[in-house]
Amino acid sequence: MTTQDKWDKEKRRIKAVQVAFDLGNEVNQQIRFEALEQGINPSDRVRQILGLPVSARPVRPRLSISLSEADFALLAVRFTVVADDRLKIRQIAAEKLVEHLHDSAGRENVGKKPTKGTED
């Protein structure tokens, strides 16, 4: 792909307009749930529902948040690391998210009978 092709493609992207739909919590949750079940992002699910083309590229499975300087400082204190070590803060935060998943899964299974073949 030539540089000109890349610029032309970028120009087409710039012409796109982001549209937000305020449809209420129930519709929003249902679309997000359907997207999650299909392993796609909510925007792609909306495009499917509207009959628009959806990119065939795989979705990177990631969670993202915006962190301010104050957020990094707070996490640095909470994780007992230097505030400037953002890579370490991100690493520990990722570990906390995985730990949360394991803790949540454990709580959901409390009191449930083990399924056949999983007894210890």
PDB file of N, CA and C in Angstrom:
ATOM      1  N   MET A   1       0.851  -1.173   0.000  1.00  0.00           N
ATOM      2  CA  MET A   1       0.000   0.000   0.000  1.00  0.00           C
ATOM      3  C   MET A   1       0.896   1.235   0.000  1.00  0.00           C
ATOM      4  N   THR A   2       0.640   2.118  -0.938  1.00  0.00           N
ATOM      5  CA  THR A   2       1.453   3.321  -1.049  1.00  0.00           C
ATOM      6  C   THR A   2       1.045   4.341   0.005  1.00  0.00           C
ATOM      7  N   THR A   3       1.902   5.323   0.176  1.00  0.00           N
ATOM      8  CA  THR A   3       1.609   6.388   1.118  1.00  0.00           C
ATOM      9  C   THR A   3       0.338   7.123   0.712  1.00  0.00           C
ATOM     10  N   GLN A   4       0.165   7.349  -0.600  1.00  0.00           N
ATOM     11  CA  GLN A   4      -1.040   8.027  -1.083  1.00  0.00           C
ATOM     12  C   GLN A   4      -2.287   7.213  -0.761  1.00  0.00           C
ATOM     13  N   ASP A   5      -2.212   5.885  -0.911  1.00  0.00           N
ATOM     14  CA  ASP A   5      -3.346   5.020  -0.570  1.00  0.00           C
ATOM     15  C   ASP A   5      -3.699   5.151   0.910  1.00  0.00           C
ATOM     16  N   LYS A   6      -2.663   5.193   1.727  1.00  0.00           N
ATOM     17  CA  LYS A   6      -2.890   5.332   3.172  1.00  0.00           C
ATOM     18  C   LYS A   6      -3.565   6.663   3.487  1.00  0.00           C
ATOM     19  N   TRP A   7      -3.118   7.747   2.835  1.00  0.00           N
ATOM     20  CA  TRP A   7      -3.718   9.062   3.075  1.00  0.00           C
ATOM     21  C   TRP A   7      -5.170   9.089   2.598  1.00  0.00           C
ATOM     22  N   ASP A   8      -5.427   8.472   1.446  1.00  0.00           N
ATOM     23  CA  ASP A   8      -6.796   8.422   0.932  1.00  0.00           C
ATOM     24  C   ASP A   8      -7.704   7.669   1.899  1.00  0.00           C
ATOM     25  N   LYS A   9      -7.205   6.563   2.426  1.00  0.00           N
ATOM     26  CA  LYS A   9      -7.978   5.773   3.392  1.00  0.00           C
ATOM     27  C   LYS A   9      -8.232   6.596   4.656  1.00  0.00           C
ATOM     28  N   GLU A  10      -7.225   7.347   5.098  1.00  0.00           N
ATOM     29  CA  GLU A  10      -7.359   8.189   6.294  1.00  0.00           C
ATOM     30  C   GLU A  10      -8.394   9.287   6.052  1.00  0.00           C
ATOM     31  N   LYS A  11      -8.405   9.869   4.866  1.00  0.00           N
ATOM     32  CA  LYS A  11      -9.389  10.907   4.536  1.00  0.00           C
ATOM     33  C   LYS A  11     -10.808  10.356   4.618  1.00  0.00           C
ATOM     34  N   ARG A  12     -11.009   9.133   4.143  1.00  0.00           N
ATOM     35  CA  ARG A  12     -12.329   8.522   4.212  1.00  0.00           C
ATOM     36  C   ARG A  12     -12.751   8.316   5.664  1.00  0.00           C
ATOM     37  N   ARG A  13     -11.809   7.953   6.495  1.00  0.00           N
ATOM     38  CA  ARG A  13     -12.109   7.772   7.922  1.00  0.00           C
ATOM     39  C   ARG A  13     -12.515   9.091   8.565  1.00  0.00           C
ATOM     40  N   ILE A  14     -11.843  10.150   8.206  1.00  0.00           N
ATOM     41  CA  ILE A  14     -12.120  11.457   8.795  1.00  0.00           C
ATOM     42  C   ILE A  14     -13.546  11.884   8.485  1.00  0.00           C
ATOM     43  N   LYS A  15     -14.058  11.496   7.340  1.00  0.00           N
ATOM     44  CA  LYS A  15     -15.407  11.890   6.942  1.00  0.00           C
ATOM     45  C   LYS A  15     -16.485  11.159   7.733  1.00  0.00           C
ATOM     46  N   ALA A  16     -16.141  10.130   8.448  1.00  0.00           N
ATOM     47  CA  ALA A  16     -17.122   9.398   9.252  1.00  0.00           C
ATOM     48  C   ALA A  16     -17.578  10.276  10.414  1.00  0.00           C
ATOM     49  N   VAL A  17     -18.825  10.143  10.792  1.00  0.00           N
ATOM     50  CA  VAL A  17     -19.401  10.916  11.890  1.00  0.00           C
ATOM     51  C   VAL A  17     -19.847   9.952  12.971  1.00  0.00           C
ATOM     52  N   GLN A  18     -19.422  10.204  14.190  1.00  0.00           N
ATOM     53  CA  GLN A  18     -19.838   9.348  15.291  1.00  0.00           C
ATOM     54  C   GLN A  18     -21.246   9.736  15.720  1.00  0.00           C
ATOM     55  N   VAL A  19     -22.095   8.723  15.861  1.00  0.00           N
ATOM     56  CA  VAL A  19     -23.480   8.940  16.257  1.00  0.00           C
ATOM     57  C   VAL A  19     -23.707   8.206  17.568  1.00  0.00           C
ATOM     58  N   ALA A  20     -24.290   8.898  18.532  1.00  0.00           N
ATOM     59  CA  ALA A  20     -24.603   8.290  19.830  1.00  0.00           C
ATOM     60  C   ALA A  20     -26.117   8.135  19.937  1.00  0.00           C
ATOM     61  N   PHE A  21     -26.545   6.995  20.439  1.00  0.00           N
ATOM     62  CA  PHE A  21     -27.965   6.713  20.618  1.00  0.00           C
ATOM     63  C   PHE A  21     -28.282   6.690  22.110  1.00  0.00           C
ATOM     64  N   ASP A  22     -29.238   7.480  22.537  1.00  0.00           N
ATOM     65  CA  ASP A  22     -29.676   7.488  23.927  1.00  0.00           C
ATOM     66  C   ASP A  22     -31.007   6.744  23.979  1.00  0.00           C
ATOM     67  N   LEU A  23     -30.934   5.422  24.139  1.00  0.00           N
ATOM     68  CA  LEU A  23     -32.119   4.576  24.037  1.00  0.00           C
ATOM     69  C   LEU A  23     -32.579   4.003  25.358  1.00  0.00           C
ATOM     70  N   GLY A  24     -31.948   4.384  26.413  1.00  0.00           N
ATOM     71  CA  GLY A  24     -32.330   3.863  27.716  1.00  0.00           C
ATOM     72  C   GLY A  24     -31.475   2.682  28.122  1.00  0.00           C
ATOM     73  N   ASN A  25     -31.509   2.424  29.393  1.00  0.00           N
ATOM     74  CA  ASN A  25     -30.655   1.412  29.993  1.00  0.00           C
ATOM     75  C   ASN A  25     -30.949  -0.001  29.488  1.00  0.00           C
ATOM     76  N   GLU A  26     -32.210  -0.352  29.350  1.00  0.00           N
ATOM     77  CA  GLU A  26     -32.576  -1.715  28.956  1.00  0.00           C
ATOM     78  C   GLU A  26     -32.066  -2.055  27.555  1.00  0.00           C
ATOM     79  N   VAL A  27     -32.275  -1.151  26.596  1.00  0.00           N
ATOM     80  CA  VAL A  27     -31.809  -1.391  25.230  1.00  0.00           C
ATOM     81  C   VAL A  27     -30.286  -1.424  25.202  1.00  0.00           C
ATOM     82  N   ASN A  28     -29.677  -0.482  25.894  1.00  0.00           N
ATOM     83  CA  ASN A  28     -28.215  -0.412  25.958  1.00  0.00           C
ATOM     84  C   ASN A  28     -27.636  -1.716  26.500  1.00  0.00           C
ATOM     85  N   GLN A  29     -28.180  -2.197  27.609  1.00  0.00           N
ATOM     86  CA  GLN A  29     -27.672  -3.432  28.210  1.00  0.00           C
ATOM     87  C   GLN A  29     -27.886  -4.629  27.292  1.00  0.00           C
ATOM     88  N   GLN A  30     -29.033  -4.697  26.632  1.00  0.00           N
ATOM     89  CA  GLN A  30     -29.315  -5.828  25.754  1.00  0.00           C
ATOM     90  C   GLN A  30     -28.333  -5.874  24.580  1.00  0.00           C
ATOM     91  N   ILE A  31     -28.073  -4.727  23.981  1.00  0.00           N
ATOM     92  CA  ILE A  31     -27.128  -4.685  22.855  1.00  0.00           C
ATOM     93  C   ILE A  31     -25.725  -5.046  23.329  1.00  0.00           C
ATOM     94  N   ARG A  32     -25.330  -4.541  24.482  1.00  0.00           N
ATOM     95  CA  ARG A  32     -24.010  -4.883  25.024  1.00  0.00           C
ATOM     96  C   ARG A  32     -23.917  -6.376  25.330  1.00  0.00           C
ATOM     97  N   PHE A  33     -24.980  -6.941  25.872  1.00  0.00           N
ATOM     98  CA  PHE A  33     -25.003  -8.367  26.183  1.00  0.00           C
ATOM     99  C   PHE A  33     -24.897  -9.199  24.909  1.00  0.00           C
ATOM    100  N   GLU A  34     -25.662  -8.829  23.885  1.00  0.00           N
ATOM    101  CA  GLU A  34     -25.599  -9.549  22.613  1.00  0.00           C
ATOM    102  C   GLU A  34     -24.197  -9.461  22.004  1.00  0.00           C
ATOM    103  N   ALA A  35     -23.594  -8.284  22.080  1.00  0.00           N
ATOM    104  CA  ALA A  35     -22.240  -8.110  21.556  1.00  0.00           C
ATOM    105  C   ALA A  35     -21.263  -9.004  22.315  1.00  0.00           C
ATOM    106  N   LEU A  36     -21.396  -9.030  23.623  1.00  0.00           N
ATOM    107  CA  LEU A  36     -20.524  -9.861  24.451  1.00  0.00           C
ATOM    108  C   LEU A  36     -20.670 -11.335  24.079  1.00  0.00           C
ATOM    109  N   GLU A  37     -21.914 -11.777  23.917  1.00  0.00           N
ATOM    110  CA  GLU A  37     -22.154 -13.174  23.538  1.00  0.00           C
ATOM    111  C   GLU A  37     -21.517 -13.521  22.200  1.00  0.00           C
ATOM    112  N   GLN A  38     -21.492 -12.550  21.282  1.00  0.00           N
ATOM    113  CA  GLN A  38     -20.951 -12.787  19.945  1.00  0.00           C
ATOM    114  C   GLN A  38     -19.455 -12.489  19.851  1.00  0.00           C
ATOM    115  N   GLY A  39     -18.888 -11.987  20.931  1.00  0.00           N
ATOM    116  CA  GLY A  39     -17.454 -11.682  20.937  1.00  0.00           C
ATOM    117  C   GLY A  39     -17.105 -10.483  20.067  1.00  0.00           C
ATOM    118  N   ILE A  40     -18.027  -9.544  19.953  1.00  0.00           N
ATOM    119  CA  ILE A  40     -17.786  -8.330  19.176  1.00  0.00           C
ATOM    120  C   ILE A  40     -18.023  -7.123  20.066  1.00  0.00           C
ATOM    121  N   ASN A  41     -17.639  -5.947  19.579  1.00  0.00           N
ATOM    122  CA  ASN A  41     -17.883  -4.758  20.390  1.00  0.00           C
ATOM    123  C   ASN A  41     -19.294  -4.240  20.128  1.00  0.00           C
ATOM    124  N   PRO A  42     -19.845  -3.465  21.057  1.00  0.00           N
ATOM    125  CA  PRO A  42     -21.217  -2.976  20.908  1.00  0.00           C
ATOM    126  C   PRO A  42     -21.447  -2.175  19.618  1.00  0.00           C
ATOM    127  N   SER A  43     -20.444  -1.425  19.177  1.00  0.00           N
ATOM    128  CA  SER A  43     -20.595  -0.660  17.939  1.00  0.00           C
ATOM    129  C   SER A  43     -20.838  -1.586  16.750  1.00  0.00           C
ATOM    130  N   ASP A  44     -20.101  -2.699  16.700  1.00  0.00           N
ATOM    131  CA  ASP A  44     -20.304  -3.658  15.614  1.00  0.00           C
ATOM    132  C   ASP A  44     -21.678  -4.308  15.709  1.00  0.00           C
ATOM    133  N   ARG A  45     -22.163  -4.555  16.920  1.00  0.00           N
ATOM    134  CA  ARG A  45     -23.502  -5.137  17.078  1.00  0.00           C
ATOM    135  C   ARG A  45     -24.566  -4.168  16.565  1.00  0.00           C
ATOM    136  N   VAL A  46     -24.402  -2.880  16.868  1.00  0.00           N
ATOM    137  CA  VAL A  46     -25.331  -1.873  16.365  1.00  0.00           C
ATOM    138  C   VAL A  46     -25.305  -1.859  14.836  1.00  0.00           C
ATOM    139  N   ARG A  47     -24.093  -1.933  14.257  1.00  0.00           N
ATOM    140  CA  ARG A  47     -23.978  -1.965  12.796  1.00  0.00           C
ATOM    141  C   ARG A  47     -24.693  -3.189  12.223  1.00  0.00           C
ATOM    142  N   GLN A  48     -24.548  -4.344  12.886  1.00  0.00           N
ATOM    143  CA  GLN A  48     -25.249  -5.551  12.433  1.00  0.00           C
ATOM    144  C   GLN A  48     -26.761  -5.338  12.445  1.00  0.00           C
ATOM    145  N   ILE A  49     -27.272  -4.808  13.546  1.00  0.00           N
ATOM    146  CA  ILE A  49     -28.712  -4.606  13.703  1.00  0.00           C
ATOM    147  C   ILE A  49     -29.242  -3.667  12.616  1.00  0.00           C
ATOM    148  N   LEU A  50     -28.451  -2.645  12.281  1.00  0.00           N
ATOM    149  CA  LEU A  50     -28.863  -1.673  11.273  1.00  0.00           C
ATOM    150  C   LEU A  50     -28.593  -2.148   9.849  1.00  0.00           C
ATOM    151  N   GLY A  51     -27.985  -3.333   9.711  1.00  0.00           N
ATOM    152  CA  GLY A  51     -27.711  -3.872   8.382  1.00  0.00           C
ATOM    153  C   GLY A  51     -26.536  -3.214   7.684  1.00  0.00           C
ATOM    154  N   LEU A  52     -25.621  -2.640   8.468  1.00  0.00           N
ATOM    155  CA  LEU A  52     -24.430  -1.999   7.916  1.00  0.00           C
ATOM    156  C   LEU A  52     -23.277  -2.993   7.892  1.00  0.00           C
ATOM    157  N   PRO A  53     -22.308  -2.774   7.012  1.00  0.00           N
ATOM    158  CA  PRO A  53     -21.148  -3.676   6.988  1.00  0.00           C
ATOM    159  C   PRO A  53     -20.360  -3.589   8.291  1.00  0.00           C
ATOM    160  N   VAL A  54     -19.810  -4.727   8.675  1.00  0.00           N
ATOM    161  CA  VAL A  54     -19.006  -4.824   9.892  1.00  0.00           C
ATOM    162  C   VAL A  54     -17.620  -5.296   9.486  1.00  0.00           C
ATOM    163  N   SER A  55     -16.606  -4.663  10.030  1.00  0.00           N
ATOM    164  CA  SER A  55     -15.225  -5.031   9.726  1.00  0.00           C
ATOM    165  C   SER A  55     -14.962  -6.463  10.143  1.00  0.00           C
ATOM    166  N   ALA A  56     -14.248  -7.182   9.315  1.00  0.00           N
ATOM    167  CA  ALA A  56     -13.938  -8.584   9.613  1.00  0.00           C
ATOM    168  C   ALA A  56     -12.733  -8.722  10.537  1.00  0.00           C
ATOM    169  N   ARG A  57     -12.081  -7.614  10.839  1.00  0.00           N
ATOM    170  CA  ARG A  57     -10.892  -7.694  11.694  1.00  0.00           C
ATOM    171  C   ARG A  57     -11.292  -8.144  13.098  1.00  0.00           C
ATOM    172  N   PRO A  58     -10.468  -8.962  13.715  1.00  0.00           N
ATOM    173  CA  PRO A  58     -10.798  -9.417  15.070  1.00  0.00           C
ATOM    174  C   PRO A  58     -10.703  -8.269  16.071  1.00  0.00           C
ATOM    175  N   VAL A  59     -11.557  -8.332  17.060  1.00  0.00           N
ATOM    176  CA  VAL A  59     -11.559  -7.319  18.115  1.00  0.00           C
ATOM    177  C   VAL A  59     -10.517  -7.698  19.148  1.00  0.00           C
ATOM    178  N   ARG A  60      -9.697  -6.729  19.521  1.00  0.00           N
ATOM    179  CA  ARG A  60      -8.715  -6.973  20.575  1.00  0.00           C
ATOM    180  C   ARG A  60      -9.448  -7.028  21.901  1.00  0.00           C
ATOM    181  N   PRO A  61      -9.371  -8.155  22.576  1.00  0.00           N
ATOM    182  CA  PRO A  61     -10.091  -8.262  23.851  1.00  0.00           C
ATOM    183  C   PRO A  61      -9.376  -7.483  24.959  1.00  0.00           C
ATOM    184  N   ARG A  62      -9.813  -6.271  25.142  1.00  0.00           N
ATOM    185  CA  ARG A  62      -9.166  -5.457  26.177  1.00  0.00           C
ATOM    186  C   ARG A  62     -10.198  -4.592  26.870  1.00  0.00           C
ATOM    187  N   LEU A  63      -9.872  -4.206  28.055  1.00  0.00           N
ATOM    188  CA  LEU A  63     -10.663  -3.254  28.823  1.00  0.00           C
ATOM    189  C   LEU A  63      -9.842  -1.977  28.894  1.00  0.00           C
ATOM    190  N   SER A  64     -10.510  -0.854  28.855  1.00  0.00           N
ATOM    191  CA  SER A  64      -9.748   0.388  28.957  1.00  0.00           C
ATOM    192  C   SER A  64     -10.475   1.380  29.846  1.00  0.00           C
ATOM    193  N   ILE A  65      -9.680   2.183  30.515  1.00  0.00           N
ATOM    194  CA  ILE A  65     -10.186   3.290  31.324  1.00  0.00           C
ATOM    195  C   ILE A  65      -9.228   4.452  31.129  1.00  0.00           C
ATOM    196  N   SER A  66      -9.687   5.634  31.449  1.00  0.00           N
ATOM    197  CA  SER A  66      -8.822   6.812  31.425  1.00  0.00           C
ATOM    198  C   SER A  66      -8.368   7.082  32.849  1.00  0.00           C
ATOM    199  N   LEU A  67      -7.065   7.270  33.006  1.00  0.00           N
ATOM    200  CA  LEU A  67      -6.514   7.546  34.329  1.00  0.00           C
ATOM    201  C   LEU A  67      -5.873   8.925  34.334  1.00  0.00           C
ATOM    202  N   SER A  68      -6.240   9.721  35.308  1.00  0.00           N
ATOM    203  CA  SER A  68      -5.650  11.044  35.473  1.00  0.00           C
ATOM    204  C   SER A  68      -4.357  10.909  36.284  1.00  0.00           C
ATOM    205  N   GLU A  69      -3.659  12.016  36.399  1.00  0.00           N
ATOM    206  CA  GLU A  69      -2.457  12.031  37.242  1.00  0.00           C
ATOM    207  C   GLU A  69      -2.821  11.646  38.678  1.00  0.00           C
ATOM    208  N   ALA A  70      -3.959  12.149  39.145  1.00  0.00           N
ATOM    209  CA  ALA A  70      -4.403  11.836  40.507  1.00  0.00           C
ATOM    210  C   ALA A  70      -4.715  10.347  40.646  1.00  0.00           C
ATOM    211  N   ASP A  71      -5.289   9.747  39.608  1.00  0.00           N
ATOM    212  CA  ASP A  71      -5.583   8.310  39.637  1.00  0.00           C
ATOM    213  C   ASP A  71      -4.289   7.502  39.746  1.00  0.00           C
ATOM    214  N   PHE A  72      -3.281   7.885  38.942  1.00  0.00           N
ATOM    215  CA  PHE A  72      -1.997   7.181  39.010  1.00  0.00           C
ATOM    216  C   PHE A  72      -1.377   7.336  40.398  1.00  0.00           C
ATOM    217  N   ALA A  73      -1.476   8.534  40.965  1.00  0.00           N
ATOM    218  CA  ALA A  73      -0.921   8.768  42.302  1.00  0.00           C
ATOM    219  C   ALA A  73      -1.643   7.904  43.339  1.00  0.00           C
ATOM    220  N   LEU A  74      -2.961   7.839  43.246  1.00  0.00           N
ATOM    221  CA  LEU A  74      -3.746   7.026  44.176  1.00  0.00           C
ATOM    222  C   LEU A  74      -3.388   5.545  44.044  1.00  0.00           C
ATOM    223  N   LEU A  75      -3.305   5.064  42.812  1.00  0.00           N
ATOM    224  CA  LEU A  75      -2.950   3.650  42.600  1.00  0.00           C
ATOM    225  C   LEU A  75      -1.525   3.358  43.060  1.00  0.00           C
ATOM    226  N   ALA A  76      -0.621   4.298  42.852  1.00  0.00           N
ATOM    227  CA  ALA A  76       0.761   4.108  43.291  1.00  0.00           C
ATOM    228  C   ALA A  76       0.810   3.902  44.801  1.00  0.00           C
ATOM    229  N   VAL A  77       0.045   4.707  45.535  1.00  0.00           N
ATOM    230  CA  VAL A  77      -0.010   4.565  46.989  1.00  0.00           C
ATOM    231  C   VAL A  77      -0.645   3.224  47.347  1.00  0.00           C
ATOM    232  N   ARG A  78      -1.767   2.919  46.713  1.00  0.00           N
ATOM    233  CA  ARG A  78      -2.489   1.678  46.999  1.00  0.00           C
ATOM    234  C   ARG A  78      -1.621   0.451  46.703  1.00  0.00           C
ATOM    235  N   PHE A  79      -0.831   0.514  45.629  1.00  0.00           N
ATOM    236  CA  PHE A  79       0.004  -0.633  45.231  1.00  0.00           C
ATOM    237  C   PHE A  79       1.413  -0.552  45.802  1.00  0.00           C
ATOM    238  N   THR A  80       1.701   0.487  46.556  1.00  0.00           N
ATOM    239  CA  THR A  80       3.027   0.756  47.138  1.00  0.00           C
ATOM    240  C   THR A  80       4.141   0.688  46.100  1.00  0.00           C
ATOM    241  N   VAL A  81       3.969   1.485  45.049  1.00  0.00           N
ATOM    242  CA  VAL A  81       4.995   1.635  44.017  1.00  0.00           C
ATOM    243  C   VAL A  81       5.215   3.119  43.763  1.00  0.00           C
ATOM    244  N   VAL A  82       6.274   3.435  43.054  1.00  0.00           N
ATOM    245  CA  VAL A  82       6.577   4.822  42.707  1.00  0.00           C
ATOM    246  C   VAL A  82       5.551   5.315  41.686  1.00  0.00           C
ATOM    247  N   ALA A  83       5.038   6.514  41.885  1.00  0.00           N
ATOM    248  CA  ALA A  83       3.978   7.054  41.019  1.00  0.00           C
ATOM    249  C   ALA A  83       4.412   7.170  39.555  1.00  0.00           C
ATOM    250  N   ASP A  84       5.700   7.358  39.312  1.00  0.00           N
ATOM    251  CA  ASP A  84       6.191   7.485  37.939  1.00  0.00           C
ATOM    252  C   ASP A  84       6.307   6.149  37.217  1.00  0.00           C
ATOM    253  N   ASP A  85       6.206   5.053  37.941  1.00  0.00           N
ATOM    254  CA  ASP A  85       6.339   3.729  37.325  1.00  0.00           C
ATOM    255  C   ASP A  85       4.975   3.261  36.805  1.00  0.00           C
ATOM    256  N   ARG A  86       4.540   3.903  35.740  1.00  0.00           N
ATOM    257  CA  ARG A  86       3.207   3.619  35.193  1.00  0.00           C
ATOM    258  C   ARG A  86       3.077   2.209  34.660  1.00  0.00           C
ATOM    259  N   LEU A  87       4.146   1.671  34.123  1.00  0.00           N
ATOM    260  CA  LEU A  87       4.105   0.298  33.631  1.00  0.00           C
ATOM    261  C   LEU A  87       3.813  -0.673  34.777  1.00  0.00           C
ATOM    262  N   LYS A  88       4.467  -0.479  35.901  1.00  0.00           N
ATOM    263  CA  LYS A  88       4.244  -1.331  37.072  1.00  0.00           C
ATOM    264  C   LYS A  88       2.817  -1.152  37.592  1.00  0.00           C
ATOM    265  N   ILE A  89       2.328   0.075  37.587  1.00  0.00           N
ATOM    266  CA  ILE A  89       0.958   0.330  38.044  1.00  0.00           C
ATOM    267  C   ILE A  89      -0.026  -0.401  37.143  1.00  0.00           C
ATOM    268  N   ARG A  90       0.180  -0.328  35.819  1.00  0.00           N
ATOM    269  CA  ARG A  90      -0.704  -1.032  34.884  1.00  0.00           C
ATOM    270  C   ARG A  90      -0.632  -2.539  35.098  1.00  0.00           C
ATOM    271  N   GLN A  91       0.566  -3.046  35.339  1.00  0.00           N
ATOM    272  CA  GLN A  91       0.743  -4.485  35.556  1.00  0.00           C
ATOM    273  C   GLN A  91      -0.010  -4.947  36.803  1.00  0.00           C
ATOM    274  N   ILE A  92       0.140  -4.219  37.896  1.00  0.00           N
ATOM    275  CA  ILE A  92      -0.534  -4.593  39.143  1.00  0.00           C
ATOM    276  C   ILE A  92      -2.047  -4.444  38.984  1.00  0.00           C
ATOM    277  N   ALA A  93      -2.482  -3.397  38.289  1.00  0.00           N
ATOM    278  CA  ALA A  93      -3.915  -3.202  38.064  1.00  0.00           C
ATOM    279  C   ALA A  93      -4.490  -4.383  37.268  1.00  0.00           C
ATOM    280  N   ALA A  94      -3.765  -4.830  36.254  1.00  0.00           N
ATOM    281  CA  ALA A  94      -4.211  -5.983  35.463  1.00  0.00           C
ATOM    282  C   ALA A  94      -4.301  -7.228  36.340  1.00  0.00           C
ATOM    283  N   GLU A  95      -3.314  -7.412  37.203  1.00  0.00           N
ATOM    284  CA  GLU A  95      -3.342  -8.554  38.127  1.00  0.00           C
ATOM    285  C   GLU A  95      -4.557  -8.467  39.051  1.00  0.00           C
ATOM    286  N   LYS A  96      -4.884  -7.260  39.517  1.00  0.00           N
ATOM    287  CA  LYS A  96      -6.046  -7.070  40.397  1.00  0.00           C
ATOM    288  C   LYS A  96      -7.343  -7.435  39.666  1.00  0.00           C
ATOM    289  N   LEU A  97      -7.433  -7.090  38.384  1.00  0.00           N
ATOM    290  CA  LEU A  97      -8.627  -7.426  37.611  1.00  0.00           C
ATOM    291  C   LEU A  97      -8.779  -8.938  37.461  1.00  0.00           C
ATOM    292  N   VAL A  98      -7.685  -9.624  37.177  1.00  0.00           N
ATOM    293  CA  VAL A  98      -7.722 -11.082  37.055  1.00  0.00           C
ATOM    294  C   VAL A  98      -8.070 -11.704  38.401  1.00  0.00           C
ATOM    295  N   GLU A  99      -7.484 -11.174  39.463  1.00  0.00           N
ATOM    296  CA  GLU A  99      -7.776 -11.651  40.815  1.00  0.00           C
ATOM    297  C   GLU A  99      -9.265 -11.468  41.137  1.00  0.00           C
ATOM    298  N   HIS A 100      -9.820 -10.347  40.731  1.00  0.00           N
ATOM    299  CA  HIS A 100     -11.240 -10.075  40.940  1.00  0.00           C
ATOM    300  C   HIS A 100     -12.092 -11.129  40.233  1.00  0.00           C
ATOM    301  N   LEU A 101     -11.714 -11.486  39.027  1.00  0.00           N
ATOM    302  CA  LEU A 101     -12.446 -12.500  38.270  1.00  0.00           C
ATOM    303  C   LEU A 101     -12.441 -13.826  39.016  1.00  0.00           C
ATOM    304  N   HIS A 102     -11.269 -14.226  39.496  1.00  0.00           N
ATOM    305  CA  HIS A 102     -11.162 -15.493  40.222  1.00  0.00           C
ATOM    306  C   HIS A 102     -11.953 -15.447  41.528  1.00  0.00           C
ATOM    307  N   ASP A 103     -11.898 -14.318  42.224  1.00  0.00           N
ATOM    308  CA  ASP A 103     -12.657 -14.170  43.471  1.00  0.00           C
ATOM    309  C   ASP A 103     -14.158 -14.223  43.196  1.00  0.00           C
ATOM    310  N   SER A 104     -14.604 -13.561  42.144  1.00  0.00           N
ATOM    311  CA  SER A 104     -16.023 -13.541  41.786  1.00  0.00           C
ATOM    312  C   SER A 104     -16.501 -14.929  41.408  1.00  0.00           C
ATOM    313  N   ALA A 105     -15.700 -15.649  40.645  1.00  0.00           N
ATOM    314  CA  ALA A 105     -16.070 -17.002  40.239  1.00  0.00           C
ATOM    315  C   ALA A 105     -16.174 -17.906  41.456  1.00  0.00           C
ATOM    316  N   GLY A 106     -15.293 -17.716  42.409  1.00  0.00           N
ATOM    317  CA  GLY A 106     -15.331 -18.518  43.632  1.00  0.00           C
ATOM    318  C   GLY A 106     -16.571 -18.247  44.447  1.00  0.00           C
ATOM    319  N   ARG A 107     -16.967 -16.965  44.551  1.00  0.00           N
ATOM    320  CA  ARG A 107     -18.179 -16.611  45.300  1.00  0.00           C
ATOM    321  C   ARG A 107     -19.427 -17.155  44.629  1.00  0.00           C
ATOM    322  N   GLU A 108     -19.455 -17.158  43.310  1.00  0.00           N
ATOM    323  CA  GLU A 108     -20.626 -17.662  42.590  1.00  0.00           C
ATOM    324  C   GLU A 108     -20.804 -19.162  42.795  1.00  0.00           C
ATOM    325  N   ASN A 109     -19.715 -19.861  43.045  1.00  0.00           N
ATOM    326  CA  ASN A 109     -19.779 -21.313  43.198  1.00  0.00           C
ATOM    327  C   ASN A 109     -19.996 -21.757  44.637  1.00  0.00           C
ATOM    328  N   VAL A 110     -19.984 -20.809  45.594  1.00  0.00           N
ATOM    329  CA  VAL A 110     -20.182 -21.159  47.000  1.00  0.00           C
ATOM    330  C   VAL A 110     -21.593 -21.715  47.176  1.00  0.00           C
ATOM    331  N   GLY A 111     -21.683 -22.884  47.773  1.00  0.00           N
ATOM    332  CA  GLY A 111     -22.976 -23.488  48.045  1.00  0.00           C
ATOM    333  C   GLY A 111     -23.547 -24.295  46.894  1.00  0.00           C
ATOM    334  N   LYS A 112     -22.902 -24.242  45.739  1.00  0.00           N
ATOM    335  CA  LYS A 112     -23.387 -25.029  44.600  1.00  0.00           C
ATOM    336  C   LYS A 112     -22.825 -26.432  44.671  1.00  0.00           C
ATOM    337  N   LYS A 113     -23.598 -27.386  44.211  1.00  0.00           N
ATOM    338  CA  LYS A 113     -23.114 -28.758  44.151  1.00  0.00           C
ATOM    339  C   LYS A 113     -22.151 -28.882  42.981  1.00  0.00           C
ATOM    340  N   PRO A 114     -21.062 -29.614  43.152  1.00  0.00           N
ATOM    341  CA  PRO A 114     -20.143 -29.797  42.031  1.00  0.00           C
ATOM    342  C   PRO A 114     -20.831 -30.584  40.925  1.00  0.00           C
ATOM    343  N   THR A 115     -20.467 -30.228  39.673  1.00  0.00           N
ATOM    344  CA  THR A 115     -21.020 -30.971  38.548  1.00  0.00           C
ATOM    345  C   THR A 115     -20.335 -32.313  38.455  1.00  0.00           C
ATOM    346  N   LYS A 116     -20.973 -33.244  37.785  1.00  0.00           N
ATOM    347  CA  LYS A 116     -20.457 -34.615  37.689  1.00  0.00           C
ATOM    348  C   LYS A 116     -19.052 -34.598  37.106  1.00  0.00           C
ATOM    349  N   GLY A 117     -18.167 -35.306  37.758  1.00  0.00           N
ATOM    350  CA  GLY A 117     -16.785 -35.416  37.293  1.00  0.00           C
ATOM    351  C   GLY A 117     -15.869 -34.350  37.838  1.00  0.00           C
ATOM    352  N   THR A 118     -16.407 -33.402  38.641  1.00  0.00           N
ATOM    353  CA  THR A 118     -15.549 -32.344  39.182  1.00  0.00           C
ATOM    354  C   THR A 118     -15.370 -32.468  40.681  1.00  0.00           C
ATOM    355  N   GLU A 119     -15.924 -33.523  41.279  1.00  0.00           N
ATOM    356  CA  GLU A 119     -15.747 -33.691  42.715  1.00  0.00           C
ATOM    357  C   GLU A 119     -14.295 -34.015  43.014  1.00  0.00           C
ATOM    358  N   ASP A 120     -13.810 -33.531  44.152  1.00  0.00           N
ATOM    359  CA  ASP A 120     -12.420 -33.813  44.539  1.00  0.00           C
ATOM    360  C   ASP A 120     -12.295 -35.139  45.249  1.00  0.00           C
TER     361      ASP A 120
END
